[in-house]
Amino acid sequence: MQTNEASQESEIKQVIRSLCMMNNRFMNFMLDDNKEAAQVFLRVILEDDKIKVRNVRIQSFIQNIYGHSSQLDILAQDSKGRYFNVEVQRSDEGAPARRARFYSSILDTHFLQPSKLYEELPDTYVIFITENDVLRDNLPLYNIRRRIDENAKCFEDGSHIIYVNSQRRDDTALGKLMQDLYCTEPKNLHYHEFADRMEFLKYSKEGEEKMTDVIEEYAARKAEAAAKAVEEKMTDVIEEYAARKAEALAKEAAEAMAKEKKIEFAKDLLAEGMSIEFTVRLSKLSEAEVRELASKLTA
């Protein structure tokens, strides 16, 4: 029992230590109430060293009573009152353009109070950090702004959508940040603002306890894999049983057909006046079966 528990604990530690910030849940733990780390993200991505993060929250649920509600991965606010929503998307399907548009709109509806003027609507930034280059132009960063078609001037409404291509991991400030997103060891991080938190989460008892969600997700995946293995095994057993049953039925049908042919042959022989002994020998039926047939023919 102790050996199994020790093995399981070791396996959980390995899972935790293999995590990087491209894992959505681990990113949440790294940035939860960690203003300095969130500040690094925003300063590097927006190329603005003057950004001062006032607060940062993870998994912020924004209720929309008229339609689809949303749960934002990371929501931060800076000293100028601007709001930043950071989403980590490993799946291309998780970062469509219309999702970015919706997140931008839901920030607007949530942060403009009923008594406020439209001019008081805060600037918002929706930032998708994607595992793949979903916009496929091989750019490290895509700043998406509204513009006027006729003169190509930006339409400054305070909304910003940014896609960050995490595949571009070069030696620029942004490239090093992307390298850190895939880094699993605190000592190898470029930005020290991440190192202490990663060290705490991965190598302290308190950190492991804090990451209950990650551990539970891991346990759920293990349980799902075990259930799938059982299901696959049962499928094999069922298929094997079905094959045996089908084979038995086919054999039974073949035997029944052969027996029917023997009976018809025996009837023909008896009808021609052949003896019981002769009919038994040629039809391969038992003597009792042939005598029964003969009695029915003479009845």
C-alpha atoms as a PDB file:
ATOM      1  CA  MET A   1       0.000   0.000   0.000  1.00  0.00           C
ATOM      2  CA  GLN A   2       2.775   2.382   0.963  1.00  0.00           C
ATOM      3  CA  THR A   3       4.602   1.556  -2.241  1.00  0.00           C
ATOM      4  CA  ASN A   4       1.529   2.398  -4.346  1.00  0.00           C
ATOM      5  CA  GLU A   5       0.987   5.685  -2.492  1.00  0.00           C
ATOM      6  CA  ALA A   6       4.650   6.631  -2.869  1.00  0.00           C
ATOM      7  CA  SER A   7       4.533   5.745  -6.561  1.00  0.00           C
ATOM      8  CA  GLN A   8       1.395   7.831  -7.068  1.00  0.00           C
ATOM      9  CA  GLU A   9       2.912  10.793  -5.200  1.00  0.00           C
ATOM     10  CA  SER A  10       6.042  10.556  -7.321  1.00  0.00           C
ATOM     11  CA  GLU A  11       3.953  10.430 -10.491  1.00  0.00           C
ATOM     12  CA  ILE A  12       1.974  13.533  -9.444  1.00  0.00           C
ATOM     13  CA  LYS A  13       5.217  15.403  -8.748  1.00  0.00           C
ATOM     14  CA  GLN A  14       6.491  14.462 -12.195  1.00  0.00           C
ATOM     15  CA  VAL A  15       3.287  15.773 -13.756  1.00  0.00           C
ATOM     16  CA  ILE A  16       3.554  19.066 -11.881  1.00  0.00           C
ATOM     17  CA  ARG A  17       7.222  19.506 -12.741  1.00  0.00           C
ATOM     18  CA  SER A  18       6.563  18.824 -16.410  1.00  0.00           C
ATOM     19  CA  LEU A  19       4.077  21.705 -16.652  1.00  0.00           C
ATOM     20  CA  CYS A  20       4.818  24.952 -18.438  1.00  0.00           C
ATOM     21  CA  MET A  21       2.872  28.193 -18.772  1.00  0.00           C
ATOM     22  CA  MET A  22       1.367  27.086 -22.067  1.00  0.00           C
ATOM     23  CA  ASN A  23      -0.728  24.824 -19.864  1.00  0.00           C
ATOM     24  CA  ASN A  24      -3.735  27.013 -19.210  1.00  0.00           C
ATOM     25  CA  ARG A  25      -4.262  25.985 -15.588  1.00  0.00           C
ATOM     26  CA  PHE A  26      -0.592  26.337 -14.730  1.00  0.00           C
ATOM     27  CA  MET A  27      -0.527  29.796 -16.328  1.00  0.00           C
ATOM     28  CA  ASN A  28      -3.471  30.731 -14.111  1.00  0.00           C
ATOM     29  CA  PHE A  29      -1.558  29.689 -11.005  1.00  0.00           C
ATOM     30  CA  MET A  30       1.524  31.562 -12.179  1.00  0.00           C
ATOM     31  CA  LEU A  31      -0.360  34.842 -12.658  1.00  0.00           C
ATOM     32  CA  ASP A  32      -3.017  34.610  -9.940  1.00  0.00           C
ATOM     33  CA  ASP A  33      -2.629  37.792  -7.863  1.00  0.00           C
ATOM     34  CA  ASN A  34       0.918  38.056  -9.256  1.00  0.00           C
ATOM     35  CA  LYS A  35       1.018  41.649 -10.499  1.00  0.00           C
ATOM     36  CA  GLU A  36       4.733  41.583 -11.300  1.00  0.00           C
ATOM     37  CA  ALA A  37       4.422  38.555 -13.586  1.00  0.00           C
ATOM     38  CA  ALA A  38       1.312  39.932 -15.318  1.00  0.00           C
ATOM     39  CA  GLN A  39       3.151  43.208 -15.771  1.00  0.00           C
ATOM     40  CA  VAL A  40       5.988  41.457 -17.595  1.00  0.00           C
ATOM     41  CA  PHE A  41       3.529  39.924 -20.058  1.00  0.00           C
ATOM     42  CA  LEU A  42       1.840  43.201 -20.817  1.00  0.00           C
ATOM     43  CA  ARG A  43       5.002  45.305 -20.963  1.00  0.00           C
ATOM     44  CA  VAL A  44       6.723  42.914 -23.359  1.00  0.00           C
ATOM     45  CA  ILE A  45       3.720  42.255 -25.605  1.00  0.00           C
ATOM     46  CA  LEU A  46       2.689  45.924 -25.802  1.00  0.00           C
ATOM     47  CA  GLU A  47       6.302  47.206 -25.772  1.00  0.00           C
ATOM     48  CA  ASP A  48       5.463  49.617 -22.979  1.00  0.00           C
ATOM     49  CA  ASP A  49       7.685  49.564 -19.883  1.00  0.00           C
ATOM     50  CA  LYS A  50       5.463  52.081 -18.125  1.00  0.00           C
ATOM     51  CA  ILE A  51       2.511  49.739 -17.648  1.00  0.00           C
ATOM     52  CA  LYS A  52       1.763  49.322 -13.943  1.00  0.00           C
ATOM     53  CA  VAL A  53      -0.650  46.507 -13.142  1.00  0.00           C
ATOM     54  CA  ARG A  54      -3.086  47.442 -10.379  1.00  0.00           C
ATOM     55  CA  ASN A  55      -4.723  44.009  -9.990  1.00  0.00           C
ATOM     56  CA  VAL A  56      -4.927  40.670 -11.725  1.00  0.00           C
ATOM     57  CA  ARG A  57      -7.518  37.905 -11.443  1.00  0.00           C
ATOM     58  CA  ILE A  58      -7.851  34.449 -12.961  1.00  0.00           C
ATOM     59  CA  GLN A  59     -10.953  32.674 -14.246  1.00  0.00           C
ATOM     60  CA  SER A  60     -13.114  35.788 -14.054  1.00  0.00           C
ATOM     61  CA  PHE A  61     -16.705  34.924 -14.888  1.00  0.00           C
ATOM     62  CA  ILE A  62     -18.598  37.669 -16.705  1.00  0.00           C
ATOM     63  CA  GLN A  63     -22.343  37.175 -16.712  1.00  0.00           C
ATOM     64  CA  ASN A  64     -24.308  38.231 -19.770  1.00  0.00           C
ATOM     65  CA  ILE A  65     -28.035  38.161 -18.951  1.00  0.00           C
ATOM     66  CA  TYR A  66     -28.952  38.642 -22.612  1.00  0.00           C
ATOM     67  CA  GLY A  67     -26.756  35.989 -24.169  1.00  0.00           C
ATOM     68  CA  HIS A  68     -23.560  33.979 -23.931  1.00  0.00           C
ATOM     69  CA  SER A  69     -21.528  34.491 -20.741  1.00  0.00           C
ATOM     70  CA  SER A  70     -17.749  34.088 -20.591  1.00  0.00           C
ATOM     71  CA  GLN A  71     -15.010  32.947 -18.263  1.00  0.00           C
ATOM     72  CA  LEU A  72     -11.819  34.881 -18.868  1.00  0.00           C
ATOM     73  CA  ASP A  73      -8.510  33.128 -18.199  1.00  0.00           C
ATOM     74  CA  ILE A  74      -6.663  36.205 -16.949  1.00  0.00           C
ATOM     75  CA  LEU A  75      -8.064  39.674 -16.374  1.00  0.00           C
ATOM     76  CA  ALA A  76      -5.767  42.524 -15.354  1.00  0.00           C
ATOM     77  CA  GLN A  77      -6.196  46.257 -14.893  1.00  0.00           C
ATOM     78  CA  ASP A  78      -3.436  48.856 -15.000  1.00  0.00           C
ATOM     79  CA  SER A  79      -3.009  52.203 -13.277  1.00  0.00           C
ATOM     80  CA  LYS A  80      -4.640  53.999 -16.238  1.00  0.00           C
ATOM     81  CA  GLY A  81      -7.828  51.970 -15.849  1.00  0.00           C
ATOM     82  CA  ARG A  82      -7.238  49.865 -18.959  1.00  0.00           C
ATOM     83  CA  TYR A  83      -8.369  46.241 -18.914  1.00  0.00           C
ATOM     84  CA  PHE A  84      -6.350  43.339 -20.319  1.00  0.00           C
ATOM     85  CA  ASN A  85      -7.765  39.892 -20.996  1.00  0.00           C
ATOM     86  CA  VAL A  86      -5.059  37.275 -21.668  1.00  0.00           C
ATOM     87  CA  GLU A  87      -6.101  33.894 -23.083  1.00  0.00           C
ATOM     88  CA  VAL A  88      -3.764  30.942 -23.670  1.00  0.00           C
ATOM     89  CA  GLN A  89      -4.990  28.873 -26.614  1.00  0.00           C
ATOM     90  CA  ARG A  90      -3.281  25.604 -27.485  1.00  0.00           C
ATOM     91  CA  SER A  91      -5.986  24.620 -29.967  1.00  0.00           C
ATOM     92  CA  ASP A  92      -6.429  26.598 -33.190  1.00  0.00           C
ATOM     93  CA  GLU A  93     -10.186  26.129 -32.822  1.00  0.00           C
ATOM     94  CA  GLY A  94     -10.023  28.036 -29.517  1.00  0.00           C
ATOM     95  CA  ALA A  95      -8.815  31.276 -31.083  1.00  0.00           C
ATOM     96  CA  PRO A  96     -11.205  32.251 -33.906  1.00  0.00           C
ATOM     97  CA  ALA A  97     -11.526  35.907 -34.841  1.00  0.00           C
ATOM     98  CA  ARG A  98     -15.148  36.088 -33.727  1.00  0.00           C
ATOM     99  CA  ARG A  99     -14.270  34.801 -30.278  1.00  0.00           C
ATOM    100  CA  ALA A 100     -11.810  37.661 -29.886  1.00  0.00           C
ATOM    101  CA  ARG A 101     -14.495  40.053 -31.069  1.00  0.00           C
ATOM    102  CA  PHE A 102     -16.981  38.635 -28.551  1.00  0.00           C
ATOM    103  CA  TYR A 103     -14.543  38.865 -25.646  1.00  0.00           C
ATOM    104  CA  SER A 104     -13.828  42.472 -26.582  1.00  0.00           C
ATOM    105  CA  SER A 105     -17.540  43.283 -26.647  1.00  0.00           C
ATOM    106  CA  ILE A 106     -18.289  41.551 -23.348  1.00  0.00           C
ATOM    107  CA  LEU A 107     -15.559  43.582 -21.644  1.00  0.00           C
ATOM    108  CA  ASP A 108     -17.226  46.730 -22.960  1.00  0.00           C
ATOM    109  CA  THR A 109     -20.683  45.783 -21.697  1.00  0.00           C
ATOM    110  CA  HIS A 110     -19.306  44.737 -18.299  1.00  0.00           C
ATOM    111  CA  PHE A 111     -17.134  47.747 -17.554  1.00  0.00           C
ATOM    112  CA  LEU A 112     -19.338  50.635 -18.665  1.00  0.00           C
ATOM    113  CA  GLN A 113     -21.567  51.459 -15.713  1.00  0.00           C
ATOM    114  CA  PRO A 114     -25.170  52.592 -16.351  1.00  0.00           C
ATOM    115  CA  SER A 115     -24.524  56.182 -15.290  1.00  0.00           C
ATOM    116  CA  LYS A 116     -21.305  56.588 -17.276  1.00  0.00           C
ATOM    117  CA  LEU A 117     -20.823  58.288 -20.643  1.00  0.00           C
ATOM    118  CA  TYR A 118     -19.549  56.363 -23.666  1.00  0.00           C
ATOM    119  CA  GLU A 119     -16.381  58.481 -23.545  1.00  0.00           C
ATOM    120  CA  GLU A 120     -15.647  56.922 -20.155  1.00  0.00           C
ATOM    121  CA  LEU A 121     -15.536  53.413 -21.604  1.00  0.00           C
ATOM    122  CA  PRO A 122     -12.059  52.070 -20.689  1.00  0.00           C
ATOM    123  CA  ASP A 123      -9.567  50.880 -23.274  1.00  0.00           C
ATOM    124  CA  THR A 124      -9.596  47.099 -23.533  1.00  0.00           C
ATOM    125  CA  TYR A 125      -7.038  44.603 -24.796  1.00  0.00           C
ATOM    126  CA  VAL A 126      -7.901  41.011 -25.704  1.00  0.00           C
ATOM    127  CA  ILE A 127      -4.655  39.063 -26.056  1.00  0.00           C
ATOM    128  CA  PHE A 128      -4.636  35.527 -27.460  1.00  0.00           C
ATOM    129  CA  ILE A 129      -1.357  33.686 -26.945  1.00  0.00           C
ATOM    130  CA  THR A 130      -1.582  30.792 -29.397  1.00  0.00           C
ATOM    131  CA  GLU A 131       0.473  27.635 -29.597  1.00  0.00           C
ATOM    132  CA  ASN A 132       0.413  27.741 -33.390  1.00  0.00           C
ATOM    133  CA  ASP A 133       0.527  30.606 -35.851  1.00  0.00           C
ATOM    134  CA  VAL A 134      -3.246  30.653 -36.332  1.00  0.00           C
ATOM    135  CA  LEU A 135      -3.191  33.726 -38.588  1.00  0.00           C
ATOM    136  CA  ARG A 136      -0.489  32.059 -40.732  1.00  0.00           C
ATOM    137  CA  ASP A 137       1.655  35.040 -41.737  1.00  0.00           C
ATOM    138  CA  ASN A 138       4.671  33.927 -39.673  1.00  0.00           C
ATOM    139  CA  LEU A 139       4.593  37.111 -37.600  1.00  0.00           C
ATOM    140  CA  PRO A 140       5.517  37.097 -33.913  1.00  0.00           C
ATOM    141  CA  LEU A 141       2.677  39.484 -33.109  1.00  0.00           C
ATOM    142  CA  TYR A 142      -0.568  40.594 -34.762  1.00  0.00           C
ATOM    143  CA  ASN A 143      -2.020  43.932 -33.613  1.00  0.00           C
ATOM    144  CA  ILE A 144      -5.584  44.096 -34.871  1.00  0.00           C
ATOM    145  CA  ARG A 145      -7.241  47.514 -35.020  1.00  0.00           C
ATOM    146  CA  ARG A 146     -10.292  48.976 -36.731  1.00  0.00           C
ATOM    147  CA  ARG A 147      -9.539  51.349 -39.603  1.00  0.00           C
ATOM    148  CA  ILE A 148     -11.309  53.542 -42.125  1.00  0.00           C
ATOM    149  CA  ASP A 149     -11.178  51.887 -45.545  1.00  0.00           C
ATOM    150  CA  GLU A 150     -11.205  55.130 -47.541  1.00  0.00           C
ATOM    151  CA  ASN A 151      -8.092  56.661 -45.984  1.00  0.00           C
ATOM    152  CA  ALA A 152      -6.549  53.704 -44.082  1.00  0.00           C
ATOM    153  CA  LYS A 153      -6.548  55.717 -40.831  1.00  0.00           C
ATOM    154  CA  CYS A 154      -7.096  53.891 -37.545  1.00  0.00           C
ATOM    155  CA  PHE A 155     -10.539  54.247 -36.014  1.00  0.00           C
ATOM    156  CA  GLU A 156      -9.555  54.888 -32.412  1.00  0.00           C
ATOM    157  CA  ASP A 157     -12.338  53.382 -30.312  1.00  0.00           C
ATOM    158  CA  GLY A 158     -10.094  52.059 -27.550  1.00  0.00           C
ATOM    159  CA  SER A 159     -10.507  48.374 -28.384  1.00  0.00           C
ATOM    160  CA  HIS A 160      -7.459  46.237 -29.175  1.00  0.00           C
ATOM    161  CA  ILE A 161      -7.108  42.611 -30.201  1.00  0.00           C
ATOM    162  CA  ILE A 162      -3.666  41.033 -30.233  1.00  0.00           C
ATOM    163  CA  TYR A 163      -2.608  37.558 -31.345  1.00  0.00           C
ATOM    164  CA  VAL A 164       0.800  36.378 -30.104  1.00  0.00           C
ATOM    165  CA  ASN A 165       2.436  33.563 -32.056  1.00  0.00           C
ATOM    166  CA  SER A 166       4.279  31.470 -29.463  1.00  0.00           C
ATOM    167  CA  GLN A 167       6.165  29.596 -32.210  1.00  0.00           C
ATOM    168  CA  ARG A 168       8.410  32.633 -32.708  1.00  0.00           C
ATOM    169  CA  ARG A 169      10.895  32.009 -29.907  1.00  0.00           C
ATOM    170  CA  ASP A 170      13.913  34.093 -30.903  1.00  0.00           C
ATOM    171  CA  ASP A 171      16.290  36.300 -28.855  1.00  0.00           C
ATOM    172  CA  THR A 172      14.042  39.366 -28.813  1.00  0.00           C
ATOM    173  CA  ALA A 173      12.243  40.354 -25.606  1.00  0.00           C
ATOM    174  CA  LEU A 174       9.033  38.850 -26.971  1.00  0.00           C
ATOM    175  CA  GLY A 175      10.844  35.738 -28.210  1.00  0.00           C
ATOM    176  CA  LYS A 176      12.358  35.176 -24.755  1.00  0.00           C
ATOM    177  CA  LEU A 177       8.944  35.578 -23.195  1.00  0.00           C
ATOM    178  CA  MET A 178       7.646  32.894 -25.557  1.00  0.00           C
ATOM    179  CA  GLN A 179      10.596  30.682 -24.574  1.00  0.00           C
ATOM    180  CA  ASP A 180       9.596  31.109 -20.937  1.00  0.00           C
ATOM    181  CA  LEU A 181       6.070  29.938 -21.733  1.00  0.00           C
ATOM    182  CA  TYR A 182       7.468  26.511 -22.683  1.00  0.00           C
ATOM    183  CA  CYS A 183      10.079  26.378 -19.908  1.00  0.00           C
ATOM    184  CA  THR A 184       9.545  23.785 -17.162  1.00  0.00           C
ATOM    185  CA  GLU A 185      12.461  24.660 -14.858  1.00  0.00           C
ATOM    186  CA  PRO A 186      12.600  27.915 -12.828  1.00  0.00           C
ATOM    187  CA  LYS A 187      16.379  28.212 -13.239  1.00  0.00           C
ATOM    188  CA  ASN A 188      16.045  28.361 -17.028  1.00  0.00           C
ATOM    189  CA  LEU A 189      13.548  31.221 -17.150  1.00  0.00           C
ATOM    190  CA  HIS A 190      14.628  34.503 -18.727  1.00  0.00           C
ATOM    191  CA  TYR A 191      12.297  36.660 -16.635  1.00  0.00           C
ATOM    192  CA  HIS A 192      12.937  36.424 -12.895  1.00  0.00           C
ATOM    193  CA  GLU A 193       9.382  37.592 -12.169  1.00  0.00           C
ATOM    194  CA  PHE A 194       8.245  34.063 -13.077  1.00  0.00           C
ATOM    195  CA  ALA A 195      11.002  32.103 -11.337  1.00  0.00           C
ATOM    196  CA  ASP A 196       9.989  32.461  -7.686  1.00  0.00           C
ATOM    197  CA  ARG A 197       6.372  31.545  -8.361  1.00  0.00           C
ATOM    198  CA  MET A 198       7.338  28.519 -10.466  1.00  0.00           C
ATOM    199  CA  GLU A 199       9.796  27.392  -7.783  1.00  0.00           C
ATOM    200  CA  PHE A 200       7.035  27.679  -5.171  1.00  0.00           C
ATOM    201  CA  LEU A 201       4.414  25.839  -7.236  1.00  0.00           C
ATOM    202  CA  LYS A 202       6.668  23.000  -8.331  1.00  0.00           C
ATOM    203  CA  TYR A 203       9.023  22.407  -5.430  1.00  0.00           C
ATOM    204  CA  SER A 204       7.158  23.244  -2.236  1.00  0.00           C
ATOM    205  CA  LYS A 205       4.516  21.257  -0.381  1.00  0.00           C
ATOM    206  CA  GLU A 206       2.318  24.353  -0.189  1.00  0.00           C
ATOM    207  CA  GLY A 207       2.639  24.837  -3.927  1.00  0.00           C
ATOM    208  CA  GLU A 208       1.605  21.263  -4.665  1.00  0.00           C
ATOM    209  CA  GLU A 209      -1.421  21.651  -2.401  1.00  0.00           C
ATOM    210  CA  LYS A 210      -2.303  24.915  -4.142  1.00  0.00           C
ATOM    211  CA  MET A 211      -2.336  23.127  -7.483  1.00  0.00           C
ATOM    212  CA  THR A 212      -5.208  20.853  -6.471  1.00  0.00           C
ATOM    213  CA  ASP A 213      -7.069  21.619  -9.709  1.00  0.00           C
ATOM    214  CA  VAL A 214      -4.155  20.477 -11.843  1.00  0.00           C
ATOM    215  CA  ILE A 215      -3.764  17.308  -9.801  1.00  0.00           C
ATOM    216  CA  GLU A 216      -7.496  16.596 -10.012  1.00  0.00           C
ATOM    217  CA  GLU A 217      -7.420  17.167 -13.761  1.00  0.00           C
ATOM    218  CA  TYR A 218      -4.509  14.728 -13.990  1.00  0.00           C
ATOM    219  CA  ALA A 219      -6.409  12.183 -11.869  1.00  0.00           C
ATOM    220  CA  ALA A 220      -9.496  12.631 -14.046  1.00  0.00           C
ATOM    221  CA  ARG A 221      -7.418  11.996 -17.174  1.00  0.00           C
ATOM    222  CA  LYS A 222      -5.960   8.858 -15.583  1.00  0.00           C
ATOM    223  CA  ALA A 223      -9.444   7.651 -14.619  1.00  0.00           C
ATOM    224  CA  GLU A 224     -10.719   8.400 -18.117  1.00  0.00           C
ATOM    225  CA  ALA A 225      -7.795   6.510 -19.651  1.00  0.00           C
ATOM    226  CA  ALA A 226      -8.430   3.552 -17.325  1.00  0.00           C
ATOM    227  CA  ALA A 227     -12.141   3.575 -18.156  1.00  0.00           C
ATOM    228  CA  LYS A 228     -11.323   3.725 -21.847  1.00  0.00           C
ATOM    229  CA  ALA A 229      -8.944   0.795 -21.491  1.00  0.00           C
ATOM    230  CA  VAL A 230     -11.659  -1.219 -19.725  1.00  0.00           C
ATOM    231  CA  GLU A 231     -14.154  -0.228 -22.411  1.00  0.00           C
ATOM    232  CA  GLU A 232     -11.760  -1.276 -25.158  1.00  0.00           C
ATOM    233  CA  LYS A 233     -11.109  -4.570 -23.378  1.00  0.00           C
ATOM    234  CA  MET A 234     -14.842  -5.158 -22.970  1.00  0.00           C
ATOM    235  CA  THR A 235     -15.329  -4.324 -26.639  1.00  0.00           C
ATOM    236  CA  ASP A 236     -12.763  -6.959 -27.547  1.00  0.00           C
ATOM    237  CA  VAL A 237     -14.491  -9.498 -25.261  1.00  0.00           C
ATOM    238  CA  ILE A 238     -17.902  -8.671 -26.726  1.00  0.00           C
ATOM    239  CA  GLU A 239     -16.594  -8.874 -30.277  1.00  0.00           C
ATOM    240  CA  GLU A 240     -14.916 -12.193 -29.513  1.00  0.00           C
ATOM    241  CA  TYR A 241     -18.150 -13.516 -27.972  1.00  0.00           C
ATOM    242  CA  ALA A 242     -20.170 -12.291 -30.956  1.00  0.00           C
ATOM    243  CA  ALA A 243     -17.745 -13.961 -33.357  1.00  0.00           C
ATOM    244  CA  ARG A 244     -17.964 -17.258 -31.437  1.00  0.00           C
ATOM    245  CA  LYS A 245     -21.758 -16.992 -31.299  1.00  0.00           C
ATOM    246  CA  ALA A 246     -21.986 -16.293 -35.022  1.00  0.00           C
ATOM    247  CA  GLU A 247     -19.685 -19.202 -35.768  1.00  0.00           C
ATOM    248  CA  ALA A 248     -21.778 -21.526 -33.574  1.00  0.00           C
ATOM    249  CA  LEU A 249     -25.026 -20.387 -35.222  1.00  0.00           C
ATOM    250  CA  ALA A 250     -23.526 -20.856 -38.679  1.00  0.00           C
ATOM    251  CA  LYS A 251     -22.341 -24.330 -37.732  1.00  0.00           C
ATOM    252  CA  GLU A 252     -25.740 -25.140 -36.245  1.00  0.00           C
ATOM    253  CA  ALA A 253     -27.509 -23.900 -39.384  1.00  0.00           C
ATOM    254  CA  ALA A 254     -25.167 -25.920 -41.591  1.00  0.00           C
ATOM    255  CA  GLU A 255     -25.745 -29.031 -39.508  1.00  0.00           C
ATOM    256  CA  ALA A 256     -29.524 -28.488 -39.593  1.00  0.00           C
ATOM    257  CA  MET A 257     -29.391 -28.124 -43.375  1.00  0.00           C
ATOM    258  CA  ALA A 258     -27.286 -31.267 -43.696  1.00  0.00           C
ATOM    259  CA  LYS A 259     -29.679 -33.182 -41.433  1.00  0.00           C
ATOM    260  CA  GLU A 260     -32.647 -32.019 -43.507  1.00  0.00           C
ATOM    261  CA  LYS A 261     -30.953 -33.253 -46.660  1.00  0.00           C
ATOM    262  CA  LYS A 262     -30.263 -36.625 -45.016  1.00  0.00           C
ATOM    263  CA  ILE A 263     -33.926 -36.919 -44.014  1.00  0.00           C
ATOM    264  CA  GLU A 264     -35.150 -36.088 -47.529  1.00  0.00           C
ATOM    265  CA  PHE A 265     -32.680 -38.608 -48.987  1.00  0.00           C
ATOM    266  CA  ALA A 266     -33.849 -41.290 -46.544  1.00  0.00           C
ATOM    267  CA  LYS A 267     -37.496 -40.603 -47.397  1.00  0.00           C
ATOM    268  CA  ASP A 268     -36.726 -41.034 -51.090  1.00  0.00           C
ATOM    269  CA  LEU A 269     -34.956 -44.363 -50.451  1.00  0.00           C
ATOM    270  CA  LEU A 270     -37.802 -45.697 -48.320  1.00  0.00           C
ATOM    271  CA  ALA A 271     -40.339 -44.550 -50.913  1.00  0.00           C
ATOM    272  CA  GLU A 272     -38.424 -46.586 -53.505  1.00  0.00           C
ATOM    273  CA  GLY A 273     -38.840 -49.671 -51.302  1.00  0.00           C
ATOM    274  CA  MET A 274     -35.324 -49.840 -49.903  1.00  0.00           C
ATOM    275  CA  SER A 275     -34.796 -51.721 -46.654  1.00  0.00           C
ATOM    276  CA  ILE A 276     -34.283 -50.054 -43.280  1.00  0.00           C
ATOM    277  CA  GLU A 277     -30.696 -51.325 -43.100  1.00  0.00           C
ATOM    278  CA  PHE A 278     -29.850 -50.068 -46.611  1.00  0.00           C
ATOM    279  CA  THR A 279     -31.382 -46.642 -45.901  1.00  0.00           C
ATOM    280  CA  VAL A 280     -29.461 -46.291 -42.605  1.00  0.00           C
ATOM    281  CA  ARG A 281     -26.198 -47.124 -44.346  1.00  0.00           C
ATOM    282  CA  LEU A 282     -26.655 -44.613 -47.197  1.00  0.00           C
ATOM    283  CA  SER A 283     -28.368 -41.726 -45.385  1.00  0.00           C
ATOM    284  CA  LYS A 284     -26.077 -41.794 -42.302  1.00  0.00           C
ATOM    285  CA  LEU A 285     -29.136 -41.420 -40.077  1.00  0.00           C
ATOM    286  CA  SER A 286     -29.641 -43.634 -37.017  1.00  0.00           C
ATOM    287  CA  GLU A 287     -31.767 -46.748 -37.263  1.00  0.00           C
ATOM    288  CA  ALA A 288     -34.315 -45.218 -34.886  1.00  0.00           C
ATOM    289  CA  GLU A 289     -34.623 -42.117 -37.074  1.00  0.00           C
ATOM    290  CA  VAL A 290     -35.086 -44.205 -40.234  1.00  0.00           C
ATOM    291  CA  ARG A 291     -37.707 -46.475 -38.584  1.00  0.00           C
ATOM    292  CA  GLU A 292     -39.612 -43.360 -37.444  1.00  0.00           C
ATOM    293  CA  LEU A 293     -39.582 -42.034 -41.017  1.00  0.00           C
ATOM    294  CA  ALA A 294     -40.717 -45.404 -42.345  1.00  0.00           C
ATOM    295  CA  SER A 295     -43.609 -45.539 -39.877  1.00  0.00           C
ATOM    296  CA  LYS A 296     -44.819 -42.111 -40.991  1.00  0.00           C
ATOM    297  CA  LEU A 297     -44.653 -43.108 -44.681  1.00  0.00           C
ATOM    298  CA  THR A 298     -46.794 -46.227 -44.078  1.00  0.00           C
ATOM    299  CA  ALA A 299     -49.263 -44.468 -41.729  1.00  0.00           C
END
